[in-house]
Amino acid sequence: MLDNMTPEEMKQAIEIIDGRAETECSGNVTKENISRVTAVGVDYISSGALTHSAPILDISLKNLHAIE
């Protein structure tokens, strides 16, 4: 897991790993910088930006009432 690294730091880490393990980057990955991140050669990318601003939907059953 390459977490909160700059693309340059990720590239250096990938060179050290040298294919001995799959790599995943996370932290500060956005749609604006994802092309820079993918260019360094990581195997997987995680991005919390997909859910940080998602609206909340209450799907609990606490508001159900008996029908009379």
PDB file of N, CA and C in Angstrom:
ATOM      1  N   MET A   1       0.847  -1.168   0.000  1.00  0.00           N
ATOM      2  CA  MET A   1       0.000   0.000   0.000  1.00  0.00           C
ATOM      3  C   MET A   1       0.893   1.232   0.000  1.00  0.00           C
ATOM      4  N   LEU A   2       0.746   2.012  -1.007  1.00  0.00           N
ATOM      5  CA  LEU A   2       1.489   3.263  -1.123  1.00  0.00           C
ATOM      6  C   LEU A   2       0.502   4.380  -0.793  1.00  0.00           C
ATOM      7  N   ASP A   3       0.516   4.805   0.454  1.00  0.00           N
ATOM      8  CA  ASP A   3      -0.508   5.711   0.953  1.00  0.00           C
ATOM      9  C   ASP A   3       0.034   7.122   1.131  1.00  0.00           C
ATOM     10  N   ASN A   4      -0.716   8.080   0.591  1.00  0.00           N
ATOM     11  CA  ASN A   4      -0.377   9.497   0.720  1.00  0.00           C
ATOM     12  C   ASN A   4       1.035   9.825   0.240  1.00  0.00           C
ATOM     13  N   MET A   5       1.430   9.230  -0.862  1.00  0.00           N
ATOM     14  CA  MET A   5       2.738   9.517  -1.464  1.00  0.00           C
ATOM     15  C   MET A   5       2.541  10.385  -2.699  1.00  0.00           C
ATOM     16  N   THR A   6       3.555  11.122  -3.033  1.00  0.00           N
ATOM     17  CA  THR A   6       3.537  11.851  -4.297  1.00  0.00           C
ATOM     18  C   THR A   6       3.776  10.837  -5.416  1.00  0.00           C
ATOM     19  N   PRO A   7       3.412  11.168  -6.646  1.00  0.00           N
ATOM     20  CA  PRO A   7       3.711  10.248  -7.751  1.00  0.00           C
ATOM     21  C   PRO A   7       5.204   9.899  -7.842  1.00  0.00           C
ATOM     22  N   GLU A   8       6.050  10.851  -7.535  1.00  0.00           N
ATOM     23  CA  GLU A   8       7.494  10.586  -7.581  1.00  0.00           C
ATOM     24  C   GLU A   8       7.899   9.569  -6.518  1.00  0.00           C
ATOM     25  N   GLU A   9       7.340   9.693  -5.314  1.00  0.00           N
ATOM     26  CA  GLU A   9       7.624   8.737  -4.244  1.00  0.00           C
ATOM     27  C   GLU A   9       7.082   7.350  -4.596  1.00  0.00           C
ATOM     28  N   MET A  10       5.895   7.305  -5.201  1.00  0.00           N
ATOM     29  CA  MET A  10       5.321   6.028  -5.619  1.00  0.00           C
ATOM     30  C   MET A  10       6.209   5.349  -6.654  1.00  0.00           C
ATOM     31  N   LYS A  11       6.678   6.117  -7.611  1.00  0.00           N
ATOM     32  CA  LYS A  11       7.541   5.556  -8.655  1.00  0.00           C
ATOM     33  C   LYS A  11       8.793   4.950  -8.033  1.00  0.00           C
ATOM     34  N   GLN A  12       9.395   5.639  -7.082  1.00  0.00           N
ATOM     35  CA  GLN A  12      10.586   5.125  -6.411  1.00  0.00           C
ATOM     36  C   GLN A  12      10.255   3.843  -5.644  1.00  0.00           C
ATOM     37  N   ALA A  13       9.114   3.814  -4.954  1.00  0.00           N
ATOM     38  CA  ALA A  13       8.702   2.624  -4.206  1.00  0.00           C
ATOM     39  C   ALA A  13       8.468   1.441  -5.152  1.00  0.00           C
ATOM     40  N   ILE A  14       7.859   1.691  -6.287  1.00  0.00           N
ATOM     41  CA  ILE A  14       7.608   0.627  -7.266  1.00  0.00           C
ATOM     42  C   ILE A  14       8.917   0.066  -7.803  1.00  0.00           C
ATOM     43  N   GLU A  15       9.901   0.926  -7.999  1.00  0.00           N
ATOM     44  CA  GLU A  15      11.215   0.456  -8.431  1.00  0.00           C
ATOM     45  C   GLU A  15      11.857  -0.433  -7.366  1.00  0.00           C
ATOM     46  N   ILE A  16      11.695  -0.077  -6.096  1.00  0.00           N
ATOM     47  CA  ILE A  16      12.244  -0.888  -5.001  1.00  0.00           C
ATOM     48  C   ILE A  16      11.516  -2.229  -4.918  1.00  0.00           C
ATOM     49  N   ILE A  17      10.186  -2.213  -5.055  1.00  0.00           N
ATOM     50  CA  ILE A  17       9.385  -3.438  -4.989  1.00  0.00           C
ATOM     51  C   ILE A  17       9.725  -4.368  -6.152  1.00  0.00           C
ATOM     52  N   ASP A  18       9.989  -3.795  -7.318  1.00  0.00           N
ATOM     53  CA  ASP A  18      10.499  -4.516  -8.493  1.00  0.00           C
ATOM     54  C   ASP A  18       9.666  -5.748  -8.848  1.00  0.00           C
ATOM     55  N   GLY A  19       8.335  -5.604  -8.813  1.00  0.00           N
ATOM     56  CA  GLY A  19       7.460  -6.681  -9.243  1.00  0.00           C
ATOM     57  C   GLY A  19       7.286  -7.824  -8.252  1.00  0.00           C
ATOM     58  N   ARG A  20       7.872  -7.735  -7.080  1.00  0.00           N
ATOM     59  CA  ARG A  20       7.770  -8.819  -6.094  1.00  0.00           C
ATOM     60  C   ARG A  20       6.436  -8.828  -5.362  1.00  0.00           C
ATOM     61  N   ALA A  21       5.652  -7.770  -5.515  1.00  0.00           N
ATOM     62  CA  ALA A  21       4.325  -7.688  -4.892  1.00  0.00           C
ATOM     63  C   ALA A  21       3.456  -6.762  -5.735  1.00  0.00           C
ATOM     64  N   GLU A  22       2.151  -6.959  -5.632  1.00  0.00           N
ATOM     65  CA  GLU A  22       1.232  -6.038  -6.291  1.00  0.00           C
ATOM     66  C   GLU A  22       1.171  -4.762  -5.468  1.00  0.00           C
ATOM     67  N   THR A  23       0.967  -3.654  -6.128  1.00  0.00           N
ATOM     68  CA  THR A  23       0.955  -2.368  -5.444  1.00  0.00           C
ATOM     69  C   THR A  23      -0.405  -1.686  -5.568  1.00  0.00           C
ATOM     70  N   GLU A  24      -0.752  -0.954  -4.519  1.00  0.00           N
ATOM     71  CA  GLU A  24      -1.983  -0.179  -4.498  1.00  0.00           C
ATOM     72  C   GLU A  24      -1.666   1.186  -3.930  1.00  0.00           C
ATOM     73  N   CYS A  25      -2.160   2.217  -4.578  1.00  0.00           N
ATOM     74  CA  CYS A  25      -1.954   3.555  -4.042  1.00  0.00           C
ATOM     75  C   CYS A  25      -3.281   4.081  -3.519  1.00  0.00           C
ATOM     76  N   SER A  26      -3.162   4.934  -2.524  1.00  0.00           N
ATOM     77  CA  SER A  26      -4.332   5.493  -1.878  1.00  0.00           C
ATOM     78  C   SER A  26      -3.964   6.845  -1.288  1.00  0.00           C
ATOM     79  N   GLY A  27      -4.951   7.658  -1.064  1.00  0.00           N
ATOM     80  CA  GLY A  27      -4.719   8.946  -0.429  1.00  0.00           C
ATOM     81  C   GLY A  27      -4.490  10.051  -1.439  1.00  0.00           C
ATOM     82  N   ASN A  28      -5.342  11.026  -1.402  1.00  0.00           N
ATOM     83  CA  ASN A  28      -5.246  12.195  -2.283  1.00  0.00           C
ATOM     84  C   ASN A  28      -5.351  11.851  -3.761  1.00  0.00           C
ATOM     85  N   VAL A  29      -6.048  10.771  -4.095  1.00  0.00           N
ATOM     86  CA  VAL A  29      -6.280  10.425  -5.496  1.00  0.00           C
ATOM     87  C   VAL A  29      -7.603  11.055  -5.910  1.00  0.00           C
ATOM     88  N   THR A  30      -7.557  11.883  -6.938  1.00  0.00           N
ATOM     89  CA  THR A  30      -8.758  12.560  -7.431  1.00  0.00           C
ATOM     90  C   THR A  30      -8.845  12.393  -8.942  1.00  0.00           C
ATOM     91  N   LYS A  31      -9.967  12.793  -9.510  1.00  0.00           N
ATOM     92  CA  LYS A  31     -10.099  12.699 -10.965  1.00  0.00           C
ATOM     93  C   LYS A  31      -9.118  13.632 -11.676  1.00  0.00           C
ATOM     94  N   GLU A  32      -8.675  14.662 -10.975  1.00  0.00           N
ATOM     95  CA  GLU A  32      -7.726  15.592 -11.584  1.00  0.00           C
ATOM     96  C   GLU A  32      -6.299  15.028 -11.662  1.00  0.00           C
ATOM     97  N   ASN A  33      -5.930  14.159 -10.729  1.00  0.00           N
ATOM     98  CA  ASN A  33      -4.545  13.667 -10.738  1.00  0.00           C
ATOM     99  C   ASN A  33      -4.406  12.172 -11.007  1.00  0.00           C
ATOM    100  N   ILE A  34      -5.497  11.504 -11.318  1.00  0.00           N
ATOM    101  CA  ILE A  34      -5.430  10.049 -11.481  1.00  0.00           C
ATOM    102  C   ILE A  34      -4.548   9.635 -12.662  1.00  0.00           C
ATOM    103  N   SER A  35      -4.482  10.425 -13.703  1.00  0.00           N
ATOM    104  CA  SER A  35      -3.628  10.058 -14.840  1.00  0.00           C
ATOM    105  C   SER A  35      -2.149  10.081 -14.452  1.00  0.00           C
ATOM    106  N   ARG A  36      -1.757  11.016 -13.601  1.00  0.00           N
ATOM    107  CA  ARG A  36      -0.364  11.035 -13.106  1.00  0.00           C
ATOM    108  C   ARG A  36      -0.070   9.822 -12.241  1.00  0.00           C
ATOM    109  N   VAL A  37      -1.064   9.424 -11.444  1.00  0.00           N
ATOM    110  CA  VAL A  37      -0.890   8.284 -10.543  1.00  0.00           C
ATOM    111  C   VAL A  37      -0.802   6.982 -11.338  1.00  0.00           C
ATOM    112  N   THR A  38      -1.653   6.807 -12.325  1.00  0.00           N
ATOM    113  CA  THR A  38      -1.618   5.573 -13.116  1.00  0.00           C
ATOM    114  C   THR A  38      -0.336   5.467 -13.928  1.00  0.00           C
ATOM    115  N   ALA A  39       0.232   6.583 -14.289  1.00  0.00           N
ATOM    116  CA  ALA A  39       1.450   6.574 -15.099  1.00  0.00           C
ATOM    117  C   ALA A  39       2.659   6.001 -14.368  1.00  0.00           C
ATOM    118  N   VAL A  40       2.633   5.967 -13.032  1.00  0.00           N
ATOM    119  CA  VAL A  40       3.785   5.449 -12.287  1.00  0.00           C
ATOM    120  C   VAL A  40       3.823   3.938 -12.262  1.00  0.00           C
ATOM    121  N   GLY A  41       2.697   3.273 -12.606  1.00  0.00           N
ATOM    122  CA  GLY A  41       2.710   1.823 -12.725  1.00  0.00           C
ATOM    123  C   GLY A  41       2.153   1.033 -11.568  1.00  0.00           C
ATOM    124  N   VAL A  42       1.300   1.630 -10.728  1.00  0.00           N
ATOM    125  CA  VAL A  42       0.689   0.864  -9.641  1.00  0.00           C
ATOM    126  C   VAL A  42      -0.323  -0.117 -10.225  1.00  0.00           C
ATOM    127  N   ASP A  43      -0.581  -1.199  -9.477  1.00  0.00           N
ATOM    128  CA  ASP A  43      -1.531  -2.206  -9.943  1.00  0.00           C
ATOM    129  C   ASP A  43      -2.976  -1.825  -9.632  1.00  0.00           C
ATOM    130  N   TYR A  44      -3.185  -1.207  -8.483  1.00  0.00           N
ATOM    131  CA  TYR A  44      -4.532  -0.843  -8.046  1.00  0.00           C
ATOM    132  C   TYR A  44      -4.533   0.577  -7.494  1.00  0.00           C
ATOM    133  N   ILE A  45      -5.699   1.228  -7.609  1.00  0.00           N
ATOM    134  CA  ILE A  45      -5.856   2.582  -7.087  1.00  0.00           C
ATOM    135  C   ILE A  45      -7.112   2.628  -6.230  1.00  0.00           C
ATOM    136  N   SER A  46      -6.991   3.177  -5.035  1.00  0.00           N
ATOM    137  CA  SER A  46      -8.139   3.400  -4.151  1.00  0.00           C
ATOM    138  C   SER A  46      -8.367   4.895  -4.048  1.00  0.00           C
ATOM    139  N   SER A  47      -9.636   5.278  -4.063  1.00  0.00           N
ATOM    140  CA  SER A  47      -9.931   6.704  -3.951  1.00  0.00           C
ATOM    141  C   SER A  47     -11.168   6.929  -3.103  1.00  0.00           C
ATOM    142  N   GLY A  48     -10.985   7.582  -1.985  1.00  0.00           N
ATOM    143  CA  GLY A  48     -12.113   7.940  -1.140  1.00  0.00           C
ATOM    144  C   GLY A  48     -12.908   9.093  -1.711  1.00  0.00           C
ATOM    145  N   ALA A  49     -12.350   9.784  -2.687  1.00  0.00           N
ATOM    146  CA  ALA A  49     -13.047  10.921  -3.289  1.00  0.00           C
ATOM    147  C   ALA A  49     -14.386  10.502  -3.900  1.00  0.00           C
ATOM    148  N   LEU A  50     -14.530   9.224  -4.202  1.00  0.00           N
ATOM    149  CA  LEU A  50     -15.788   8.748  -4.772  1.00  0.00           C
ATOM    150  C   LEU A  50     -16.929   8.818  -3.764  1.00  0.00           C
ATOM    151  N   THR A  51     -16.616   8.696  -2.485  1.00  0.00           N
ATOM    152  CA  THR A  51     -17.667   8.648  -1.476  1.00  0.00           C
ATOM    153  C   THR A  51     -17.662   9.811  -0.492  1.00  0.00           C
ATOM    154  N   HIS A  52     -16.633  10.625  -0.463  1.00  0.00           N
ATOM    155  CA  HIS A  52     -16.558  11.701   0.522  1.00  0.00           C
ATOM    156  C   HIS A  52     -17.721  12.681   0.429  1.00  0.00           C
ATOM    157  N   SER A  53     -18.219  12.933  -0.752  1.00  0.00           N
ATOM    158  CA  SER A  53     -19.274  13.927  -0.923  1.00  0.00           C
ATOM    159  C   SER A  53     -20.600  13.313  -1.332  1.00  0.00           C
ATOM    160  N   ALA A  54     -20.728  12.008  -1.194  1.00  0.00           N
ATOM    161  CA  ALA A  54     -21.983  11.354  -1.575  1.00  0.00           C
ATOM    162  C   ALA A  54     -23.086  11.752  -0.600  1.00  0.00           C
ATOM    163  N   PRO A  55     -24.286  11.994  -1.106  1.00  0.00           N
ATOM    164  CA  PRO A  55     -25.387  12.345  -0.203  1.00  0.00           C
ATOM    165  C   PRO A  55     -25.795  11.132   0.643  1.00  0.00           C
ATOM    166  N   ILE A  56     -26.341  11.412   1.799  1.00  0.00           N
ATOM    167  CA  ILE A  56     -26.764  10.356   2.716  1.00  0.00           C
ATOM    168  C   ILE A  56     -28.202   9.965   2.407  1.00  0.00           C
ATOM    169  N   LEU A  57     -28.472   8.667   2.455  1.00  0.00           N
ATOM    170  CA  LEU A  57     -29.823   8.158   2.260  1.00  0.00           C
ATOM    171  C   LEU A  57     -30.152   7.256   3.440  1.00  0.00           C
ATOM    172  N   ASP A  58     -31.149   7.622   4.205  1.00  0.00           N
ATOM    173  CA  ASP A  58     -31.553   6.835   5.364  1.00  0.00           C
ATOM    174  C   ASP A  58     -32.466   5.707   4.892  1.00  0.00           C
ATOM    175  N   ILE A  59     -31.967   4.481   4.941  1.00  0.00           N
ATOM    176  CA  ILE A  59     -32.768   3.333   4.514  1.00  0.00           C
ATOM    177  C   ILE A  59     -33.152   2.446   5.705  1.00  0.00           C
ATOM    178  N   SER A  60     -33.103   3.007   6.887  1.00  0.00           N
ATOM    179  CA  SER A  60     -33.502   2.256   8.071  1.00  0.00           C
ATOM    180  C   SER A  60     -35.019   2.076   8.075  1.00  0.00           C
ATOM    181  N   LEU A  61     -35.484   1.214   8.960  1.00  0.00           N
ATOM    182  CA  LEU A  61     -36.924   0.957   9.069  1.00  0.00           C
ATOM    183  C   LEU A  61     -37.540   1.678  10.261  1.00  0.00           C
ATOM    184  N   LYS A  62     -36.820   2.625  10.855  1.00  0.00           N
ATOM    185  CA  LYS A  62     -37.293   3.273  12.074  1.00  0.00           C
ATOM    186  C   LYS A  62     -38.526   4.154  11.873  1.00  0.00           C
ATOM    187  N   ASN A  63     -38.841   4.528  10.657  1.00  0.00           N
ATOM    188  CA  ASN A  63     -40.001   5.388  10.412  1.00  0.00           C
ATOM    189  C   ASN A  63     -41.229   4.629   9.920  1.00  0.00           C
ATOM    190  N   LEU A  64     -41.204   3.309  10.002  1.00  0.00           N
ATOM    191  CA  LEU A  64     -42.376   2.525   9.584  1.00  0.00           C
ATOM    192  C   LEU A  64     -43.449   2.594  10.649  1.00  0.00           C
ATOM    193  N   HIS A  65     -44.702   2.697  10.224  1.00  0.00           N
ATOM    194  CA  HIS A  65     -45.835   2.741  11.130  1.00  0.00           C
ATOM    195  C   HIS A  65     -46.869   1.745  10.652  1.00  0.00           C
ATOM    196  N   ALA A  66     -47.616   1.223  11.593  1.00  0.00           N
ATOM    197  CA  ALA A  66     -48.672   0.274  11.249  1.00  0.00           C
ATOM    198  C   ALA A  66     -49.727   0.952  10.388  1.00  0.00           C
ATOM    199  N   ILE A  67     -50.203   0.243   9.395  1.00  0.00           N
ATOM    200  CA  ILE A  67     -51.283   0.752   8.524  1.00  0.00           C
ATOM    201  C   ILE A  67     -52.610   0.327   9.138  1.00  0.00           C
ATOM    202  N   GLU A  68     -53.493   1.274   9.320  1.00  0.00           N
ATOM    203  CA  GLU A  68     -54.800   0.968   9.938  1.00  0.00           C
ATOM    204  C   GLU A  68     -55.895   1.108   8.952  1.00  0.00           C
TER     205      GLU A  68
END
